[in-house]
Protein backbone atom coordinates (compact mmCIF):
# COMPACT_ATOMS: atom_id res chain seq x y z
CA MET A 1 9.75 -80.17 -18.77
CA ARG A 2 13.01 -82.11 -18.96
CA ILE A 3 13.93 -81.57 -15.30
CA ILE A 4 10.45 -82.56 -14.12
CA ALA A 5 10.59 -85.77 -16.18
CA VAL A 6 14.02 -86.68 -14.78
CA VAL A 7 12.95 -86.04 -11.18
CA LEU A 8 9.77 -88.09 -11.61
CA ALA A 9 11.76 -90.87 -13.29
CA LEU A 10 14.14 -91.01 -10.34
CA VAL A 11 11.19 -91.12 -7.92
CA PHE A 12 9.61 -94.02 -9.81
CA ALA A 13 12.96 -95.85 -9.98
CA VAL A 14 13.22 -95.62 -6.19
CA ILE A 15 9.63 -96.80 -5.83
CA ALA A 16 10.43 -99.81 -8.04
CA LEU A 17 13.40 -100.69 -5.85
CA VAL A 18 11.27 -100.38 -2.71
CA TYR A 19 8.71 -102.79 -4.18
CA TRP A 20 11.43 -105.29 -5.12
CA VAL A 21 13.30 -105.14 -1.81
CA LEU A 22 10.63 -104.80 0.87
CA PRO A 23 7.88 -107.31 1.62
CA ALA A 24 4.27 -106.08 1.59
CA GLY A 25 4.18 -105.82 5.38
CA SER A 26 7.19 -103.50 5.43
CA LEU A 27 6.00 -101.12 2.70
CA PRO A 28 4.96 -97.63 3.74
CA SER A 29 1.24 -97.71 4.50
CA PHE A 30 0.41 -95.24 1.70
CA PHE A 31 1.89 -97.55 -0.98
CA PRO A 32 -0.60 -99.64 -2.96
CA GLY A 33 -0.14 -103.28 -1.98
CA PHE A 34 0.60 -102.67 1.71
CA GLU A 35 -0.59 -105.67 3.71
CA ALA A 36 0.19 -105.70 7.43
CA GLY A 37 2.19 -108.78 8.40
CA SER A 38 2.60 -110.05 4.83
CA SER A 39 5.92 -111.33 3.50
CA HIS A 40 4.81 -111.16 -0.14
CA ILE A 41 7.01 -109.20 -2.59
CA HIS A 42 5.07 -107.16 -5.16
CA LEU A 43 7.10 -107.93 -8.27
CA LYS A 44 4.49 -106.63 -10.73
CA HIS A 45 4.14 -103.32 -8.87
CA GLY A 46 7.92 -102.92 -9.11
CA ILE A 47 7.95 -103.74 -12.82
CA ALA A 48 5.18 -101.20 -13.46
CA ALA A 49 7.07 -98.50 -11.58
CA ALA A 50 10.27 -99.36 -13.47
CA VAL A 51 8.46 -99.12 -16.82
CA VAL A 52 7.11 -95.69 -15.88
CA ALA A 53 10.62 -94.61 -14.86
CA ILE A 54 12.04 -95.77 -18.20
CA MET A 55 9.30 -93.96 -20.11
CA LEU A 56 9.96 -90.74 -18.17
CA PHE A 57 13.72 -91.00 -18.78
CA ALA A 58 12.99 -91.45 -22.50
CA LEU A 59 10.68 -88.43 -22.45
CA ALA A 60 13.40 -86.35 -20.78
CA TRP A 61 15.95 -87.51 -23.33
CA PHE A 62 13.71 -86.64 -26.28
CA ALA A 63 12.74 -83.30 -24.75
CA GLY A 64 16.40 -82.35 -24.31
CA ARG A 65 17.30 -83.64 -27.74
CA SER A 66 14.62 -81.65 -29.54
CA ARG A 67 15.68 -78.44 -27.80
CA ALA A 68 19.34 -78.99 -28.73
CA SER A 69 18.50 -79.83 -32.35
CA ASN A 70 16.38 -76.69 -32.68
CA MET A 71 19.39 -74.55 -31.76
CA GLY A 72 21.62 -76.45 -34.16
CA GLY A 73 24.57 -74.15 -33.59
CA LYS A 74 23.32 -71.73 -36.23
CA ALA A 75 22.83 -68.03 -35.65
CA GLN A 76 19.24 -67.01 -36.04
CA SER A 77 18.50 -64.04 -38.26
CA ARG A 78 16.34 -61.28 -36.85
């Protein structure tokens, strides 16, 4: 779960950067907001992707933290 969340967070961080750097006419055609010949930057799309990336990083952090706290360094009795 943690690895999947980190990978997805990285993907969404890259998507956010693409939205902030490339104009709508230069976006890949499968991206929402693609408009051929447009020079408009989709700031809100980039913010949304960045928020998703932050939420996924937080999920990965909490998932890793809960696993580490469950182990707690104590030997489990059988």
